[in-house]
Amino acid sequence: MTLVEKMARAMCAHDCRTVPEREALEWESEHEFYLGFALAVLKAMREPSDVMVRAHAEEAADLGTWPAQAIADWQAMIDAAIKEAEGE
């Protein structure tokens, strides 16, 4: 299962949380919506927030790594998940 599908299924489960037995039917009929929504969210996550970069900088200070490398690594992981979801 791809990261995008995991995200989409979690969104579907969240939407159906008040009526859990509806989840399978909802997924069957609306999975393309949830997959598209999840992919859009993942693309938005490609740019880490300042808080995320600062958190990395604090953790990595002892290792001598730089925030630019953290951003590049983060983006590479997100890009790989996007390509997987888009079938590339």
Foldseek 3Di string as FASTA:
>chain_A
DAPLQVQLLVVLCVVCVVPNVCSVVCCVVCVVVSSVVSLVVLVVPLAPDPVVLVVVCVVCVVVPDHSVVVSVVSNVVSVVSNCVSVVD
